[in-house]
C-alpha atoms as a PDB file:
ATOM      1  CA  MET A   1      -0.179   0.128   0.378  1.00  0.00           C
ATOM      2  CA  PRO A   2       2.597   2.367   0.563  1.00  0.00           C
ATOM      3  CA  ALA A   3       4.256   1.907  -2.543  1.00  0.00           C
ATOM      4  CA  PHE A   4       0.801   2.324  -4.526  1.00  0.00           C
ATOM      5  CA  ALA A   5       0.377   5.717  -2.843  1.00  0.00           C
ATOM      6  CA  SER A   6       3.341   6.936  -3.678  1.00  0.00           C
ATOM      7  CA  ARG A   7       3.250   5.727  -6.897  1.00  0.00           C
ATOM      8  CA  LEU A   8      -0.019   7.658  -7.263  1.00  0.00           C
ATOM      9  CA  SER A   9       1.208  10.815  -5.269  1.00  0.00           C
ATOM     10  CA  GLY A  10       3.775  10.987  -8.171  1.00  0.00           C
ATOM     11  CA  ARG A  11       1.528  10.643 -10.507  1.00  0.00           C
ATOM     12  CA  LEU A  12      -0.505  13.475  -9.564  1.00  0.00           C
ATOM     13  CA  ASN A  13       2.650  15.918  -9.131  1.00  0.00           C
ATOM     14  CA  LEU A  14       3.689  14.866 -12.497  1.00  0.00           C
ATOM     15  CA  LYS A  15       0.421  15.720 -13.790  1.00  0.00           C
ATOM     16  CA  ARG A  16      -0.018  18.926 -12.078  1.00  0.00           C
ATOM     17  CA  TRP A  17       3.391  19.907 -13.426  1.00  0.00           C
ATOM     18  CA  ARG A  18       2.230  19.413 -16.610  1.00  0.00           C
ATOM     19  CA  ASN A  19      -0.805  21.861 -16.248  1.00  0.00           C
ATOM     20  CA  TYR A  20       1.718  24.459 -15.017  1.00  0.00           C
ATOM     21  CA  ALA A  21       4.261  24.020 -17.335  1.00  0.00           C
ATOM     22  CA  PRO A  22       3.178  26.256 -20.766  1.00  0.00           C
ATOM     23  CA  ALA A  23       2.673  29.218 -18.298  1.00  0.00           C
ATOM     24  CA  LEU A  24       5.990  28.714 -16.860  1.00  0.00           C
ATOM     25  CA  VAL A  25       7.786  27.949 -20.341  1.00  0.00           C
ATOM     26  CA  LEU A  26       6.055  31.579 -21.353  1.00  0.00           C
ATOM     27  CA  ILE A  27       7.126  33.428 -18.602  1.00  0.00           C
ATOM     28  CA  ALA A  28      10.638  31.942 -18.840  1.00  0.00           C
ATOM     29  CA  LEU A  29      10.469  32.754 -22.772  1.00  0.00           C
ATOM     30  CA  CYS A  30       9.936  36.530 -21.773  1.00  0.00           C
ATOM     31  CA  ILE A  31      12.494  36.734 -19.290  1.00  0.00           C
ATOM     32  CA  LEU A  32      14.896  35.292 -21.663  1.00  0.00           C
ATOM     33  CA  ILE A  33      14.371  37.228 -24.535  1.00  0.00           C
ATOM     34  CA  ALA A  34      13.819  40.840 -22.931  1.00  0.00           C
ATOM     35  CA  ILE A  35      17.054  40.107 -21.424  1.00  0.00           C
ATOM     36  CA  ALA A  36      18.648  39.403 -24.938  1.00  0.00           C
ATOM     37  CA  ASN A  37      16.720  42.207 -26.398  1.00  0.00           C
ATOM     38  CA  PRO A  38      15.407  44.921 -24.511  1.00  0.00           C
ATOM     39  CA  ASN A  39      13.584  45.965 -27.302  1.00  0.00           C
ATOM     40  CA  PHE A  40      11.194  43.382 -26.488  1.00  0.00           C
ATOM     41  CA  ILE A  41       9.404  45.221 -23.833  1.00  0.00           C
ATOM     42  CA  GLU A  42       8.505  48.134 -25.311  1.00  0.00           C
ATOM     43  CA  LEU A  43       5.388  48.692 -25.673  1.00  0.00           C
ATOM     44  CA  ARG A  44       5.193  49.133 -29.590  1.00  0.00           C
ATOM     45  CA  ASN A  45       6.260  45.335 -30.073  1.00  0.00           C
ATOM     46  CA  LEU A  46       4.393  43.991 -27.186  1.00  0.00           C
ATOM     47  CA  VAL A  47       1.299  45.617 -29.487  1.00  0.00           C
ATOM     48  CA  ARG A  48       2.753  43.972 -32.522  1.00  0.00           C
ATOM     49  CA  VAL A  49       2.999  40.675 -30.606  1.00  0.00           C
ATOM     50  CA  ALA A  50      -0.796  41.197 -29.542  1.00  0.00           C
ATOM     51  CA  ASN A  51      -1.912  42.090 -33.078  1.00  0.00           C
ATOM     52  CA  SER A  52       0.164  38.640 -34.235  1.00  0.00           C
ATOM     53  CA  ALA A  53      -1.677  36.541 -31.873  1.00  0.00           C
ATOM     54  CA  ALA A  54      -5.017  37.710 -33.233  1.00  0.00           C
ATOM     55  CA  VAL A  55      -5.798  35.334 -35.932  1.00  0.00           C
ATOM     56  CA  PRO A  56      -3.877  32.659 -34.381  1.00  0.00           C
ATOM     57  CA  LEU A  57      -5.992  32.696 -31.311  1.00  0.00           C
ATOM     58  CA  THR A  58      -9.222  33.111 -32.986  1.00  0.00           C
ATOM     59  CA  LEU A  59      -8.129  29.896 -35.244  1.00  0.00           C
ATOM     60  CA  ALA A  60      -6.802  28.004 -32.030  1.00  0.00           C
ATOM     61  CA  MET A  61     -10.028  28.618 -30.287  1.00  0.00           C
ATOM     62  CA  GLY A  62     -12.117  26.590 -32.438  1.00  0.00           C
ATOM     63  CA  LEU A  63      -9.566  23.471 -33.087  1.00  0.00           C
ATOM     64  CA  THR A  64      -9.559  23.635 -29.163  1.00  0.00           C
ATOM     65  CA  PHE A  65     -12.955  21.852 -29.205  1.00  0.00           C
ATOM     66  CA  ILE A  66     -12.403  19.592 -31.419  1.00  0.00           C
ATOM     67  CA  ILE A  67      -8.961  18.091 -30.234  1.00  0.00           C
ATOM     68  CA  LEU A  68     -11.180  18.136 -27.024  1.00  0.00           C
ATOM     69  CA  LEU A  69     -13.212  15.853 -28.593  1.00  0.00           C
ATOM     70  CA  GLY A  70     -10.156  13.313 -29.517  1.00  0.00           C
ATOM     71  CA  SER A  71     -11.032  14.218 -33.074  1.00  0.00           C
ATOM     72  CA  ILE A  72      -8.532  16.630 -35.488  1.00  0.00           C
ATOM     73  CA  ASP A  73      -9.805  19.416 -37.854  1.00  0.00           C
ATOM     74  CA  LEU A  74      -7.834  19.891 -40.579  1.00  0.00           C
ATOM     75  CA  SER A  75     -10.159  22.100 -42.673  1.00  0.00           C
ATOM     76  CA  VAL A  76      -8.372  25.401 -41.052  1.00  0.00           C
ATOM     77  CA  GLU A  77      -6.985  26.668 -44.141  1.00  0.00           C
ATOM     78  CA  GLY A  78     -10.069  25.826 -46.128  1.00  0.00           C
ATOM     79  CA  SER A  79     -12.499  27.580 -43.886  1.00  0.00           C
ATOM     80  CA  LEU A  80     -10.344  30.399 -43.303  1.00  0.00           C
ATOM     81  CA  SER A  81     -10.203  30.736 -46.979  1.00  0.00           C
ATOM     82  CA  ILE A  82     -14.015  30.998 -47.656  1.00  0.00           C
ATOM     83  CA  SER A  83     -14.352  33.394 -44.882  1.00  0.00           C
ATOM     84  CA  ALA A  84     -11.924  35.911 -46.471  1.00  0.00           C
ATOM     85  CA  MET A  85     -13.119  35.495 -50.231  1.00  0.00           C
ATOM     86  CA  VAL A  86     -16.922  35.936 -49.056  1.00  0.00           C
ATOM     87  CA  THR A  87     -15.861  39.475 -46.869  1.00  0.00           C
ATOM     88  CA  VAL A  88     -13.710  40.557 -49.950  1.00  0.00           C
ATOM     89  CA  LEU A  89     -16.246  39.856 -52.885  1.00  0.00           C
ATOM     90  CA  LEU A  90     -19.011  40.938 -51.064  1.00  0.00           C
ATOM     91  CA  ALA A  91     -17.683  44.073 -49.619  1.00  0.00           C
ATOM     92  CA  ALA A  92     -16.399  47.169 -51.731  1.00  0.00           C
ATOM     93  CA  ASN A  93     -13.613  45.842 -53.542  1.00  0.00           C
ATOM     94  CA  ASP A  94     -11.538  46.280 -56.775  1.00  0.00           C
ATOM     95  CA  LEU A  95     -12.974  43.241 -58.712  1.00  0.00           C
ATOM     96  CA  ASN A  96     -16.964  43.782 -58.899  1.00  0.00           C
ATOM     97  CA  GLY A  97     -19.663  46.422 -57.672  1.00  0.00           C
ATOM     98  CA  ASN A  98     -20.615  44.799 -53.989  1.00  0.00           C
ATOM     99  CA  SER A  99     -20.483  46.892 -51.202  1.00  0.00           C
ATOM    100  CA  TYR A 100     -22.829  45.265 -48.725  1.00  0.00           C
ATOM    101  CA  GLY A 101     -20.676  46.403 -45.924  1.00  0.00           C
ATOM    102  CA  TRP A 102     -20.964  44.201 -42.750  1.00  0.00           C
ATOM    103  CA  LEU A 103     -23.300  42.006 -44.343  1.00  0.00           C
ATOM    104  CA  ALA A 104     -20.429  40.535 -45.896  1.00  0.00           C
ATOM    105  CA  VAL A 105     -18.768  40.158 -42.336  1.00  0.00           C
ATOM    106  CA  LEU A 106     -22.092  38.134 -41.417  1.00  0.00           C
ATOM    107  CA  ALA A 107     -22.013  35.982 -44.633  1.00  0.00           C
ATOM    108  CA  ALA A 108     -18.328  35.231 -44.535  1.00  0.00           C
ATOM    109  CA  ILE A 109     -19.045  33.966 -40.550  1.00  0.00           C
ATOM    110  CA  VAL A 110     -22.037  32.289 -41.548  1.00  0.00           C
ATOM    111  CA  ALA A 111     -20.506  30.243 -45.040  1.00  0.00           C
ATOM    112  CA  SER A 112     -17.888  29.177 -42.880  1.00  0.00           C
ATOM    113  CA  THR A 113     -19.958  27.868 -39.896  1.00  0.00           C
ATOM    114  CA  ALA A 114     -22.220  26.040 -42.701  1.00  0.00           C
ATOM    115  CA  MET A 115     -18.793  24.183 -43.342  1.00  0.00           C
ATOM    116  CA  GLY A 116     -18.082  23.443 -40.111  1.00  0.00           C
ATOM    117  CA  PHE A 117     -21.773  21.811 -39.626  1.00  0.00           C
ATOM    118  CA  THR A 118     -21.337  20.162 -43.348  1.00  0.00           C
ATOM    119  CA  THR A 119     -17.810  18.508 -41.759  1.00  0.00           C
ATOM    120  CA  GLY A 120     -19.730  17.492 -38.714  1.00  0.00           C
ATOM    121  CA  VAL A 121     -22.357  16.092 -40.343  1.00  0.00           C
ATOM    122  CA  ILE A 122     -20.076  14.148 -42.928  1.00  0.00           C
ATOM    123  CA  GLN A 123     -17.788  12.867 -40.490  1.00  0.00           C
ATOM    124  CA  THR A 124     -20.736  11.420 -38.208  1.00  0.00           C
ATOM    125  CA  TYR A 125     -23.057  10.028 -40.598  1.00  0.00           C
ATOM    126  CA  LEU A 126     -20.828   8.698 -43.366  1.00  0.00           C
ATOM    127  CA  ARG A 127     -18.575   7.300 -40.614  1.00  0.00           C
ATOM    128  CA  ILE A 128     -15.421   8.978 -42.078  1.00  0.00           C
ATOM    129  CA  PRO A 129     -12.375   9.737 -39.591  1.00  0.00           C
ATOM    130  CA  SER A 130     -12.343  13.178 -39.128  1.00  0.00           C
ATOM    131  CA  PHE A 131      -8.736  13.327 -40.528  1.00  0.00           C
ATOM    132  CA  MET A 132     -10.205  12.089 -43.965  1.00  0.00           C
ATOM    133  CA  ALA A 133     -13.419  14.402 -43.765  1.00  0.00           C
ATOM    134  CA  THR A 134     -11.960  17.653 -42.749  1.00  0.00           C
ATOM    135  CA  LEU A 135      -8.879  16.930 -45.044  1.00  0.00           C
ATOM    136  CA  GLY A 136     -11.602  16.714 -47.920  1.00  0.00           C
ATOM    137  CA  VAL A 137     -13.384  20.076 -46.714  1.00  0.00           C
ATOM    138  CA  TRP A 138      -9.885  21.793 -46.613  1.00  0.00           C
ATOM    139  CA  PHE A 139      -9.321  21.187 -50.168  1.00  0.00           C
ATOM    140  CA  ILE A 140     -12.734  21.902 -51.505  1.00  0.00           C
ATOM    141  CA  GLY A 141     -12.760  25.006 -49.447  1.00  0.00           C
ATOM    142  CA  LEU A 142      -9.700  26.299 -51.072  1.00  0.00           C
ATOM    143  CA  GLY A 143     -10.463  25.476 -54.389  1.00  0.00           C
ATOM    144  CA  VAL A 144     -13.812  27.264 -54.154  1.00  0.00           C
ATOM    145  CA  SER A 145     -11.977  30.573 -52.834  1.00  0.00           C
ATOM    146  CA  VAL A 146      -9.340  30.176 -55.782  1.00  0.00           C
ATOM    147  CA  TYR A 147     -11.902  29.683 -58.379  1.00  0.00           C
ATOM    148  CA  MET A 148     -14.273  32.747 -57.267  1.00  0.00           C
ATOM    149  CA  LEU A 149     -11.484  35.062 -56.879  1.00  0.00           C
ATOM    150  CA  GLY A 150     -10.288  34.539 -60.498  1.00  0.00           C
ATOM    151  CA  GLY A 151      -6.897  32.916 -59.082  1.00  0.00           C
ATOM    152  CA  SER A 152      -5.748  36.594 -58.290  1.00  0.00           C
ATOM    153  CA  ALA A 153      -5.992  38.636 -54.904  1.00  0.00           C
ATOM    154  CA  VAL A 154      -8.908  40.820 -54.908  1.00  0.00           C
ATOM    155  CA  ARG A 155      -8.385  43.939 -52.814  1.00  0.00           C
ATOM    156  CA  LEU A 156     -10.959  45.066 -49.806  1.00  0.00           C
ATOM    157  CA  MET A 157     -11.752  48.167 -50.015  1.00  0.00           C
ATOM    158  CA  ASP A 158     -14.475  49.025 -47.192  1.00  0.00           C
ATOM    159  CA  PRO A 159     -12.874  51.131 -44.967  1.00  0.00           C
ATOM    160  CA  SER A 160     -14.916  50.268 -41.709  1.00  0.00           C
ATOM    161  CA  ILE A 161     -14.087  46.316 -41.991  1.00  0.00           C
ATOM    162  CA  ARG A 162     -10.468  47.504 -42.820  1.00  0.00           C
ATOM    163  CA  ASP A 163     -10.668  49.511 -39.571  1.00  0.00           C
ATOM    164  CA  LEU A 164     -10.489  45.875 -37.863  1.00  0.00           C
ATOM    165  CA  ALA A 165      -6.810  46.393 -38.508  1.00  0.00           C
ATOM    166  CA  LEU A 166      -6.263  49.673 -38.726  1.00  0.00           C
ATOM    167  CA  ALA A 167      -8.156  51.389 -35.993  1.00  0.00           C
ATOM    168  CA  ARG A 168      -7.326  51.135 -32.268  1.00  0.00           C
ATOM    169  CA  PHE A 169      -9.098  50.791 -29.126  1.00  0.00           C
ATOM    170  CA  LEU A 170      -7.348  51.600 -25.688  1.00  0.00           C
ATOM    171  CA  GLY A 171      -4.046  51.209 -27.699  1.00  0.00           C
ATOM    172  CA  LEU A 172      -4.929  47.908 -29.201  1.00  0.00           C
ATOM    173  CA  PRO A 173      -6.089  47.249 -32.739  1.00  0.00           C
ATOM    174  CA  LEU A 174      -9.839  46.353 -33.056  1.00  0.00           C
ATOM    175  CA  ALA A 175      -8.730  43.098 -34.077  1.00  0.00           C
ATOM    176  CA  VAL A 176      -7.205  41.991 -30.783  1.00  0.00           C
ATOM    177  CA  TRP A 177     -10.478  43.109 -29.002  1.00  0.00           C
ATOM    178  CA  VAL A 178     -12.350  40.857 -31.736  1.00  0.00           C
ATOM    179  CA  ALA A 179      -9.673  38.103 -30.581  1.00  0.00           C
ATOM    180  CA  LEU A 180     -10.225  38.511 -26.918  1.00  0.00           C
ATOM    181  CA  GLY A 181     -13.737  38.461 -27.657  1.00  0.00           C
ATOM    182  CA  ALA A 182     -13.483  34.943 -29.300  1.00  0.00           C
ATOM    183  CA  PHE A 183     -11.536  33.881 -26.293  1.00  0.00           C
ATOM    184  CA  VAL A 184     -14.382  35.023 -23.770  1.00  0.00           C
ATOM    185  CA  LEU A 185     -17.288  32.968 -25.652  1.00  0.00           C
ATOM    186  CA  ALA A 186     -15.162  29.852 -26.020  1.00  0.00           C
ATOM    187  CA  CYS A 187     -14.726  30.030 -22.274  1.00  0.00           C
ATOM    188  CA  ILE A 188     -17.844  30.907 -21.927  1.00  0.00           C
ATOM    189  CA  VAL A 189     -19.138  27.468 -24.093  1.00  0.00           C
ATOM    190  CA  GLN A 190     -16.611  25.384 -22.219  1.00  0.00           C
ATOM    191  CA  TYR A 191     -16.928  25.783 -18.997  1.00  0.00           C
ATOM    192  CA  PHE A 192     -20.751  27.227 -18.875  1.00  0.00           C
ATOM    193  CA  THR A 193     -22.561  25.077 -20.843  1.00  0.00           C
ATOM    194  CA  ARG A 194     -24.006  21.476 -21.657  1.00  0.00           C
ATOM    195  CA  LEU A 195     -22.242  21.553 -24.914  1.00  0.00           C
ATOM    196  CA  GLY A 196     -18.746  22.369 -23.466  1.00  0.00           C
ATOM    197  CA  ARG A 197     -19.290  19.666 -20.662  1.00  0.00           C
ATOM    198  CA  HIS A 198     -20.365  16.725 -23.004  1.00  0.00           C
ATOM    199  CA  ILE A 199     -17.509  17.608 -25.316  1.00  0.00           C
ATOM    200  CA  MET A 200     -14.904  17.327 -22.463  1.00  0.00           C
ATOM    201  CA  ALA A 201     -16.885  14.026 -21.678  1.00  0.00           C
ATOM    202  CA  ILE A 202     -16.705  12.453 -25.184  1.00  0.00           C
ATOM    203  CA  GLY A 203     -13.310  13.222 -24.923  1.00  0.00           C
ATOM    204  CA  GLY A 204     -12.509  11.294 -22.250  1.00  0.00           C
ATOM    205  CA  GLY A 205     -14.244   8.273 -22.773  1.00  0.00           C
ATOM    206  CA  GLU A 206     -16.906   8.225 -25.571  1.00  0.00           C
ATOM    207  CA  ASP A 207     -18.478   4.987 -24.366  1.00  0.00           C
ATOM    208  CA  VAL A 208     -18.826   6.427 -21.322  1.00  0.00           C
ATOM    209  CA  ALA A 209     -20.013   9.538 -22.240  1.00  0.00           C
ATOM    210  CA  GLU A 210     -22.537   7.741 -24.478  1.00  0.00           C
ATOM    211  CA  LEU A 211     -23.951   5.413 -21.568  1.00  0.00           C
ATOM    212  CA  SER A 212     -24.230   8.660 -19.644  1.00  0.00           C
ATOM    213  CA  GLY A 213     -27.094   9.458 -22.369  1.00  0.00           C
ATOM    214  CA  ILE A 214     -25.033  12.014 -24.219  1.00  0.00           C
ATOM    215  CA  ASN A 215     -25.753  12.227 -28.007  1.00  0.00           C
ATOM    216  CA  LEU A 216     -22.644  11.766 -29.677  1.00  0.00           C
ATOM    217  CA  ARG A 217     -23.772  12.498 -33.174  1.00  0.00           C
ATOM    218  CA  ARG A 218     -25.601  15.867 -32.226  1.00  0.00           C
ATOM    219  CA  VAL A 219     -22.759  16.992 -30.101  1.00  0.00           C
ATOM    220  CA  ARG A 220     -19.838  16.061 -32.492  1.00  0.00           C
ATOM    221  CA  ILE A 221     -21.643  17.907 -35.525  1.00  0.00           C
ATOM    222  CA  MET A 222     -22.351  21.347 -32.667  1.00  0.00           C
ATOM    223  CA  ALA A 223     -18.520  21.201 -32.526  1.00  0.00           C
ATOM    224  CA  PHE A 224     -17.671  21.415 -35.489  1.00  0.00           C
ATOM    225  CA  GLY A 225     -20.116  24.072 -36.264  1.00  0.00           C
ATOM    226  CA  LEU A 226     -18.793  25.576 -33.467  1.00  0.00           C
ATOM    227  CA  ALA A 227     -15.389  25.656 -35.055  1.00  0.00           C
ATOM    228  CA  GLY A 228     -16.447  26.450 -38.215  1.00  0.00           C
ATOM    229  CA  PHE A 229     -17.613  29.826 -36.522  1.00  0.00           C
ATOM    230  CA  PHE A 230     -14.292  30.980 -35.155  1.00  0.00           C
ATOM    231  CA  PHE A 231     -12.724  29.898 -38.220  1.00  0.00           C
ATOM    232  CA  GLY A 232     -14.745  32.456 -39.938  1.00  0.00           C
ATOM    233  CA  VAL A 233     -14.128  35.117 -37.410  1.00  0.00           C
ATOM    234  CA  ALA A 234     -10.297  34.639 -37.909  1.00  0.00           C
ATOM    235  CA  GLY A 235     -11.364  34.674 -42.072  1.00  0.00           C
ATOM    236  CA  VAL A 236     -12.638  38.251 -41.489  1.00  0.00           C
ATOM    237  CA  LEU A 237      -9.788  39.409 -39.095  1.00  0.00           C
ATOM    238  CA  SER A 238      -7.128  37.929 -41.805  1.00  0.00           C
ATOM    239  CA  ALA A 239      -8.733  40.178 -45.109  1.00  0.00           C
ATOM    240  CA  SER A 240      -9.003  43.229 -42.699  1.00  0.00           C
ATOM    241  CA  GLN A 241      -5.275  42.824 -42.049  1.00  0.00           C
ATOM    242  CA  LEU A 242      -3.736  42.011 -44.953  1.00  0.00           C
ATOM    243  CA  GLY A 243      -6.858  44.216 -47.253  1.00  0.00           C
ATOM    244  CA  ARG A 244      -7.124  41.629 -49.689  1.00  0.00           C
ATOM    245  CA  SER A 245      -8.130  37.912 -50.101  1.00  0.00           C
ATOM    246  CA  ASP A 246      -5.951  35.603 -52.098  1.00  0.00           C
ATOM    247  CA  ALA A 247      -4.837  31.849 -52.670  1.00  0.00           C
ATOM    248  CA  VAL A 248      -2.631  31.645 -50.173  1.00  0.00           C
ATOM    249  CA  ILE A 249      -3.862  33.787 -47.554  1.00  0.00           C
ATOM    250  CA  ALA A 250      -4.233  30.856 -45.343  1.00  0.00           C
ATOM    251  CA  ASP A 251      -1.057  29.210 -46.229  1.00  0.00           C
ATOM    252  CA  GLY A 252       0.312  28.027 -42.426  1.00  0.00           C
ATOM    253  CA  ARG A 253      -2.669  28.949 -40.401  1.00  0.00           C
ATOM    254  CA  LEU A 254      -3.010  25.353 -39.913  1.00  0.00           C
ATOM    255  CA  PHE A 255       0.333  24.623 -38.534  1.00  0.00           C
ATOM    256  CA  ALA A 256       0.129  27.437 -36.377  1.00  0.00           C
ATOM    257  CA  ALA A 257      -3.250  26.543 -34.687  1.00  0.00           C
ATOM    258  CA  VAL A 258      -2.497  23.091 -33.845  1.00  0.00           C
ATOM    259  CA  THR A 259       1.017  23.835 -32.653  1.00  0.00           C
ATOM    260  CA  ALA A 260      -0.726  26.368 -30.188  1.00  0.00           C
ATOM    261  CA  VAL A 261      -3.336  24.090 -28.895  1.00  0.00           C
ATOM    262  CA  VAL A 262      -0.347  21.294 -28.264  1.00  0.00           C
ATOM    263  CA  VAL A 263       2.099  23.531 -26.790  1.00  0.00           C
ATOM    264  CA  GLY A 264      -0.674  24.818 -24.597  1.00  0.00           C
ATOM    265  CA  GLY A 265      -1.171  21.291 -22.871  1.00  0.00           C
ATOM    266  CA  THR A 266      -4.665  20.270 -24.519  1.00  0.00           C
ATOM    267  CA  ALA A 267      -3.632  16.722 -25.419  1.00  0.00           C
ATOM    268  CA  LEU A 268      -4.426  14.983 -29.206  1.00  0.00           C
ATOM    269  CA  THR A 269      -6.530  11.903 -27.221  1.00  0.00           C
ATOM    270  CA  GLY A 270      -9.110  14.760 -26.002  1.00  0.00           C
ATOM    271  CA  GLY A 271     -10.669  15.322 -22.299  1.00  0.00           C
ATOM    272  CA  GLU A 272      -7.491  17.459 -21.242  1.00  0.00           C
ATOM    273  CA  GLY A 273      -6.922  20.771 -21.297  1.00  0.00           C
ATOM    274  CA  GLY A 274      -9.114  23.749 -23.058  1.00  0.00           C
ATOM    275  CA  VAL A 275      -9.159  27.260 -24.398  1.00  0.00           C
ATOM    276  CA  ILE A 276      -7.305  28.479 -21.410  1.00  0.00           C
ATOM    277  CA  ASN A 277      -4.205  26.619 -22.253  1.00  0.00           C
ATOM    278  CA  THR A 278      -4.468  27.507 -26.071  1.00  0.00           C
ATOM    279  CA  LEU A 279      -4.426  31.192 -24.957  1.00  0.00           C
ATOM    280  CA  VAL A 280      -0.979  30.191 -22.958  1.00  0.00           C
ATOM    281  CA  GLY A 281       0.230  27.981 -26.203  1.00  0.00           C
ATOM    282  CA  VAL A 282      -0.590  31.052 -28.907  1.00  0.00           C
ATOM    283  CA  LEU A 283       1.359  33.860 -26.717  1.00  0.00           C
ATOM    284  CA  ILE A 284       4.390  30.981 -26.706  1.00  0.00           C
ATOM    285  CA  VAL A 285       4.232  30.713 -30.265  1.00  0.00           C
ATOM    286  CA  THR A 286       3.387  34.355 -30.575  1.00  0.00           C
ATOM    287  CA  VAL A 287       6.520  35.464 -28.482  1.00  0.00           C
ATOM    288  CA  LEU A 288       8.759  32.787 -29.654  1.00  0.00           C
ATOM    289  CA  GLY A 289       8.389  33.994 -33.149  1.00  0.00           C
ATOM    290  CA  ASN A 290       8.732  37.608 -32.228  1.00  0.00           C
ATOM    291  CA  GLY A 291      11.538  37.133 -30.396  1.00  0.00           C
ATOM    292  CA  MET A 292      13.343  34.860 -33.012  1.00  0.00           C
ATOM    293  CA  ILE A 293      12.727  38.147 -35.330  1.00  0.00           C
ATOM    294  CA  LEU A 294      14.646  40.290 -32.901  1.00  0.00           C
ATOM    295  CA  LEU A 295      16.905  38.236 -32.157  1.00  0.00           C
ATOM    296  CA  GLY A 296      17.528  37.827 -36.178  1.00  0.00           C
ATOM    297  CA  VAL A 297      17.333  34.145 -36.296  1.00  0.00           C
ATOM    298  CA  SER A 298      16.494  32.773 -39.982  1.00  0.00           C
ATOM    299  CA  PRO A 299      13.386  32.138 -40.914  1.00  0.00           C
ATOM    300  CA  TYR A 300      14.172  28.268 -41.703  1.00  0.00           C
ATOM    301  CA  VAL A 301      15.731  28.090 -38.185  1.00  0.00           C
ATOM    302  CA  GLN A 302      12.291  29.291 -36.773  1.00  0.00           C
ATOM    303  CA  GLN A 303      10.475  26.341 -38.500  1.00  0.00           C
ATOM    304  CA  THR A 304      13.007  24.135 -37.168  1.00  0.00           C
ATOM    305  CA  VAL A 305      12.348  24.979 -33.702  1.00  0.00           C
ATOM    306  CA  GLN A 306       8.684  25.176 -34.115  1.00  0.00           C
ATOM    307  CA  GLY A 307       8.718  21.479 -35.245  1.00  0.00           C
ATOM    308  CA  LEU A 308      10.721  20.731 -32.345  1.00  0.00           C
ATOM    309  CA  MET A 309       8.710  22.593 -29.864  1.00  0.00           C
ATOM    310  CA  ILE A 310       5.254  20.633 -31.431  1.00  0.00           C
ATOM    311  CA  ILE A 311       7.085  17.284 -30.995  1.00  0.00           C
ATOM    312  CA  ALA A 312       8.458  17.956 -26.975  1.00  0.00           C
ATOM    313  CA  ALA A 313       4.854  19.288 -26.408  1.00  0.00           C
ATOM    314  CA  VAL A 314       3.107  16.246 -27.664  1.00  0.00           C
ATOM    315  CA  ALA A 315       5.479  14.125 -25.943  1.00  0.00           C
ATOM    316  CA  LEU A 316       5.385  15.985 -22.237  1.00  0.00           C
ATOM    317  CA  SER A 317       1.354  16.168 -22.468  1.00  0.00           C
ATOM    318  CA  LEU A 318       0.707  11.955 -23.149  1.00  0.00           C
ATOM    319  CA  ASP A 319       0.826  10.391 -20.412  1.00  0.00           C
ATOM    320  CA  ARG A 320       2.938   7.055 -21.423  1.00  0.00           C
ATOM    321  CA  LEU A 321       2.035   5.089 -18.315  1.00  0.00           C
ATOM    322  CA  ARG A 322      -1.911   4.570 -19.512  1.00  0.00           C
ATOM    323  CA  LEU A 323      -0.917   4.875 -23.052  1.00  0.00           C
ATOM    324  CA  ARG A 324      -0.456   1.055 -24.385  1.00  0.00           C
ATOM    325  CA  ILE A 325      -0.980   1.184 -28.003  1.00  0.00           C
ATOM    326  CA  VAL A 326       0.688   4.070 -30.514  1.00  0.00           C
ATOM    327  CA  LYS A 327      -1.020   4.115 -33.707  1.00  0.00           C
END
């Protein structure tokens, strides 16, 4: 019995350490970069960091719910492309005569949310693994977006939507406030709604959740729809920040979002972690990227560091004492 109690206490301490590790890494990272280059802690640079984190944070909020299910969503870039394309083509632009203003933003978010619901229906009713279902939706979304844009970049000329990137409130770009709003909404969904509790339950054990009376199919469809909503908001922010939509507007966004979620401590096996962890993960990835730029690190080295970081994060997040089979 003493030996069993000792092992149990050790495992609890390890789990507690894993919970706090991302926040400690973020603090240590900020201190080290500030020592290496004091320009890091200048207000102008901190605002730049916050602005750079806006789109990744919004994307990662949606992806977090899918990973909490124990699934994966590769449609991030396709959904973001569709949202940005709808925003630009329906608002004032240099390709057509449309000028629907903020109705374009609403249509973009609805389109991306609909893509999410469609993905959920495909995945649950056709019983296709989420990896393959979302991979197909990714390429469908990207193909439709490129076709509608005519294969070229289309400029966004609506000043009110561009203000999401250009205007400021209390010293921060409006895009940052939108991203913080997305974070607050995600927190409410995870911690204060039945959907959030059911997502965590399914990720913790699908069979047990089903025996508890949870409608697995409905929860999955709702989760993918919710993710599509966040991807749509991120698409609008991307279009406003770049001032255009084109074929490469979403390039690299999937990797950045997955990295942020995993580095923050949300387990790929599901049921552990959440949106607060993801916020920390986004800040780690953004601060690290900003720090390497300030230190003059090569972009290729930056990609290598990010790759090593995601491998290390996954290795630390897995409980190998319970993981007997690696697929």
